[in-house]
């Protein structure tokens, strides 16, 4: 069944949004090479974090499905359909991020594992936000709202986060290891949120079934006998 779903799910992916974000991210990462500049370590880190945010904004659109209300009664669980979407995009995202790292000067590049952890946490946060929006609303395209919320969060988080819980720090900062421990915790937390929000709510599914004309529990319909007179 998963193989049979791969083709239809691939056709419903927001390929334009993903391709546009991927192209923009590569252009941002390659900008210093194109113009012949030599960015400082802090500038390289800013470029990589900006590129990671661009990728996360693209993933906010991954669960958009114009046919969402038509696929509710199908026997395949929504969590499986969402997991299949991520599985189809994950290899391309990994190749894209590898290209981004290779485009940045290795001498000024921050630790690849740590910055990749930040990118993975941002991507998982975008997916968790999209899954939450799908779970709690009837919106078929929650991507724009989730992307706007993620962008606002990325702007406000460095300003509002206490110093002891800072996530966005430079590599020379002594808080760098502790900050990335918190990035790992954030990644695990949003992965749990995504898992919880993946299934289709049973009550909502029953209400939709009833609206579509299905039988309601506890109710019986009897035909009124025809008047013979």
Protein backbone atom coordinates (compact mmCIF):
# COMPACT_ATOMS: atom_id res chain seq x y z
CA UNK A 1 0.00 0.00 0.00
CA UNK A 2 2.88 2.36 0.77
CA UNK A 3 4.31 1.85 -2.71
CA UNK A 4 0.91 2.51 -4.23
CA UNK A 5 0.64 5.75 -2.26
CA UNK A 6 4.10 7.04 -3.18
CA UNK A 7 3.09 8.28 -6.63
CA UNK A 8 -0.09 10.16 -5.60
CA UNK A 9 1.63 11.66 -2.55
CA UNK A 10 4.56 12.81 -4.68
CA UNK A 11 2.19 14.56 -7.07
CA UNK A 12 0.54 16.45 -4.20
CA UNK A 13 3.79 17.75 -2.69
CA UNK A 14 4.28 21.55 -2.79
CA UNK A 15 7.14 21.18 -5.26
CA UNK A 16 7.19 24.84 -6.28
CA UNK A 17 7.63 26.07 -2.71
CA UNK A 18 10.29 23.45 -2.01
CA UNK A 19 12.17 24.18 -5.24
CA UNK A 20 12.03 27.94 -4.71
CA UNK A 21 13.30 27.69 -1.14
CA UNK A 22 16.01 25.23 -2.15
CA UNK A 23 17.25 27.50 -4.92
CA UNK A 24 17.19 30.56 -2.67
CA UNK A 25 19.08 28.72 0.04
CA UNK A 26 21.82 27.64 -2.35
CA UNK A 27 22.13 31.19 -3.68
CA UNK A 28 22.48 32.57 -0.16
CA UNK A 29 25.13 29.99 0.75
CA UNK A 30 27.04 30.54 -2.50
CA UNK A 31 26.89 34.36 -2.42
CA UNK A 32 30.39 34.83 -0.90
CA UNK A 33 31.92 32.46 -3.46
CA UNK A 34 30.14 34.19 -6.35
CA UNK A 35 31.24 37.69 -5.36
CA UNK A 36 34.73 36.56 -4.34
CA UNK A 37 34.36 37.64 -0.71
CA UNK A 38 35.95 35.99 2.30
CA UNK A 39 33.34 35.96 5.08
CA UNK A 40 34.36 35.92 8.71
CA UNK A 41 33.39 32.96 10.92
CA UNK A 42 30.48 34.92 12.39
CA UNK A 43 29.26 35.90 8.92
CA UNK A 44 29.50 32.30 7.73
CA UNK A 45 27.50 31.16 10.76
CA UNK A 46 24.84 33.78 10.02
CA UNK A 47 24.63 32.64 6.40
CA UNK A 48 24.22 29.01 7.44
CA UNK A 49 21.56 29.83 10.01
CA UNK A 50 19.70 31.95 7.49
CA UNK A 51 19.85 29.12 4.95
CA UNK A 52 18.60 26.64 7.55
CA UNK A 53 15.68 28.96 8.29
CA UNK A 54 14.86 29.14 4.57
CA UNK A 55 14.74 25.35 4.43
CA UNK A 56 12.52 25.20 7.51
CA UNK A 57 10.13 27.73 6.01
CA UNK A 58 9.81 25.47 2.97
CA UNK A 59 9.03 22.47 5.18
CA UNK A 60 6.19 24.43 6.77
CA UNK A 61 4.33 23.91 3.48
CA UNK A 62 5.06 20.18 3.26
CA UNK A 63 1.76 19.04 4.80
CA UNK A 64 -0.41 21.32 2.64
CA UNK A 65 -2.93 19.10 0.88
CA UNK A 66 -5.72 20.64 -1.22
CA UNK A 67 -7.50 17.26 -1.21
CA UNK A 68 -7.32 16.89 2.56
CA UNK A 69 -11.09 16.78 3.15
CA UNK A 70 -11.51 14.14 0.46
CA UNK A 71 -8.89 11.80 1.93
CA UNK A 72 -10.26 11.72 5.49
CA UNK A 73 -12.40 8.58 4.95
CA UNK A 74 -9.64 6.58 3.20
CA UNK A 75 -8.33 3.50 5.06
CA UNK A 76 -4.74 4.81 5.17
CA UNK A 77 -3.93 6.68 8.36
CA UNK A 78 -3.02 10.33 8.10
CA UNK A 79 0.16 9.76 10.12
CA UNK A 80 1.33 7.33 7.43
CA UNK A 81 0.56 9.82 4.67
CA UNK A 82 2.48 12.54 6.50
CA UNK A 83 5.41 10.21 7.18
CA UNK A 84 5.48 9.30 3.49
CA UNK A 85 5.66 12.97 2.54
CA UNK A 86 8.64 13.45 4.84
CA UNK A 87 10.31 10.27 3.58
CA UNK A 88 10.05 11.45 -0.02
CA UNK A 89 11.57 14.84 0.76
CA UNK A 90 14.17 13.82 3.37
CA UNK A 91 16.84 12.50 0.92
CA UNK A 92 16.57 15.64 -1.20
CA UNK A 93 16.78 17.82 1.90
CA UNK A 94 19.89 15.96 3.06
CA UNK A 95 21.57 16.43 -0.33
CA UNK A 96 20.58 20.10 -0.33
CA UNK A 97 22.05 20.72 3.12
CA UNK A 98 25.26 18.87 2.18
CA UNK A 99 25.61 21.16 -0.84
CA UNK A 100 25.06 24.19 1.40
CA UNK A 101 27.85 23.07 3.74
CA UNK A 102 30.21 22.41 0.83
CA UNK A 103 29.55 25.88 -0.61
CA UNK A 104 30.72 27.59 2.58
CA UNK A 105 34.47 28.03 3.18
CA UNK A 106 35.66 25.21 5.40
CA UNK A 107 38.17 27.45 7.22
CA UNK A 108 35.44 29.72 8.58
CA UNK A 109 32.66 27.15 8.84
CA UNK A 110 31.32 26.31 12.34
CA UNK A 111 31.24 22.65 13.46
CA UNK A 112 29.18 20.89 10.82
CA UNK A 113 27.48 18.54 13.27
CA UNK A 114 26.30 21.35 15.54
CA UNK A 115 24.97 23.57 12.77
CA UNK A 116 23.28 20.55 11.19
CA UNK A 117 21.58 19.89 14.54
CA UNK A 118 20.24 23.45 14.49
CA UNK A 119 18.95 22.99 10.93
CA UNK A 120 17.29 19.67 11.83
CA UNK A 121 15.60 21.21 14.88
CA UNK A 122 14.24 24.10 12.80
CA UNK A 123 12.93 21.71 10.16
CA UNK A 124 11.30 19.50 12.78
CA UNK A 125 9.77 22.57 14.40
CA UNK A 126 8.23 23.57 11.07
CA UNK A 127 6.81 20.07 10.57
CA UNK A 128 5.45 19.94 14.11
CA UNK A 129 3.79 23.32 13.61
CA UNK A 130 2.21 22.17 10.36
CA UNK A 131 1.01 18.91 11.94
CA UNK A 132 -0.47 20.84 14.87
CA UNK A 133 -2.32 23.18 12.50
CA UNK A 134 -3.69 20.20 10.55
CA UNK A 135 -4.74 18.50 13.78
CA UNK A 136 -6.50 21.48 15.35
CA UNK A 137 -8.03 23.16 12.30
CA UNK A 138 -9.78 22.24 9.07
CA UNK A 139 -7.36 24.30 6.98
CA UNK A 140 -6.14 22.44 3.90
CA UNK A 141 -3.17 24.78 3.40
CA UNK A 142 -1.77 25.76 6.82
CA UNK A 143 1.69 26.40 5.35
CA UNK A 144 1.56 30.21 5.05
CA UNK A 145 0.38 30.69 8.64
CA UNK A 146 2.94 28.20 10.01
CA UNK A 147 5.76 29.82 8.00
CA UNK A 148 4.78 33.27 9.30
CA UNK A 149 4.73 32.01 12.90
CA UNK A 150 8.11 30.31 12.44
CA UNK A 151 9.65 33.45 10.98
CA UNK A 152 8.28 35.55 13.85
CA UNK A 153 9.62 33.03 16.34
CA UNK A 154 13.06 33.11 14.72
CA UNK A 155 13.16 36.90 15.07
CA UNK A 156 11.86 37.10 18.64
CA UNK A 157 13.52 34.04 20.20
CA UNK A 158 17.07 35.49 20.33
CA UNK A 159 15.67 38.68 21.89
CA UNK A 160 13.35 37.10 24.47
CA UNK A 161 15.28 33.97 25.49
CA UNK A 162 17.08 34.34 28.86
CA UNK A 163 20.86 34.32 28.75
CA UNK A 164 21.00 31.02 30.62
CA UNK A 165 18.83 29.39 27.95
CA UNK A 166 20.34 31.00 24.86
CA UNK A 167 20.18 28.93 21.68
CA UNK A 168 21.77 31.32 19.16
CA UNK A 169 25.38 31.75 20.27
CA UNK A 170 28.69 31.97 18.35
CA UNK A 171 31.14 29.03 18.39
CA UNK A 172 33.67 30.89 20.54
CA UNK A 173 31.04 31.43 23.23
CA UNK A 174 31.53 29.07 26.21
CA UNK A 175 27.77 28.41 26.11
CA UNK A 176 28.05 26.74 22.67
CA UNK A 177 28.05 23.09 23.95
CA UNK A 178 25.18 23.74 26.38
CA UNK A 179 23.23 25.57 23.70
CA UNK A 180 23.42 22.58 21.41
CA UNK A 181 22.31 20.28 24.18
CA UNK A 182 19.21 22.44 24.29
CA UNK A 183 18.90 22.23 20.48
CA UNK A 184 18.89 18.43 20.85
CA UNK A 185 16.17 18.62 23.52
CA UNK A 186 14.15 20.92 21.26
CA UNK A 187 14.49 18.47 18.37
CA UNK A 188 13.25 15.60 20.53
CA UNK A 189 10.36 17.65 21.93
CA UNK A 190 9.03 18.81 18.56
CA UNK A 191 9.38 15.28 17.20
CA UNK A 192 7.08 14.09 20.01
CA UNK A 193 4.63 16.91 19.23
CA UNK A 194 4.59 15.89 15.59
CA UNK A 195 3.96 12.26 16.54
CA UNK A 196 1.07 13.21 18.82
CA UNK A 197 -0.54 15.48 16.22
CA UNK A 198 -0.17 13.02 13.36
CA UNK A 199 -3.30 10.84 13.78
CA UNK A 200 -6.71 11.98 12.63
CA UNK A 201 -8.96 13.01 15.58
CA UNK A 202 -11.67 10.36 15.95
CA UNK A 203 -14.38 12.75 17.07
CA UNK A 204 -13.75 15.09 14.17
CA UNK A 205 -13.83 12.16 11.77
CA UNK A 206 -17.20 11.05 13.17
CA UNK A 207 -18.66 14.54 12.83
CA UNK A 208 -17.55 14.71 9.22
CA UNK A 209 -19.02 11.28 8.57
CA UNK A 210 -22.33 12.37 9.98
CA UNK A 211 -22.29 15.56 7.95
CA UNK A 212 -21.67 13.49 4.85
CA UNK A 213 -24.87 11.53 5.53
CA UNK A 214 -23.54 8.60 7.55
CA UNK A 215 -25.51 7.06 10.39
CA UNK A 216 -25.31 8.65 13.83
CA UNK A 217 -24.90 6.44 16.88
CA UNK A 218 -28.00 5.97 18.93
CA UNK A 219 -30.33 7.21 16.22
CA UNK A 220 -32.60 5.12 14.06
CA UNK A 221 -34.66 6.19 11.14
CA UNK A 222 -38.06 4.68 10.51
CA UNK A 223 -40.14 5.13 7.47
CA UNK A 224 -43.54 6.67 7.99
CA UNK A 225 -46.30 4.40 6.70
CA UNK A 226 -48.08 5.75 3.72
CA UNK A 227 -51.54 7.12 4.24
CA UNK A 228 -53.92 4.73 2.55
CA UNK A 229 -56.82 7.08 2.69
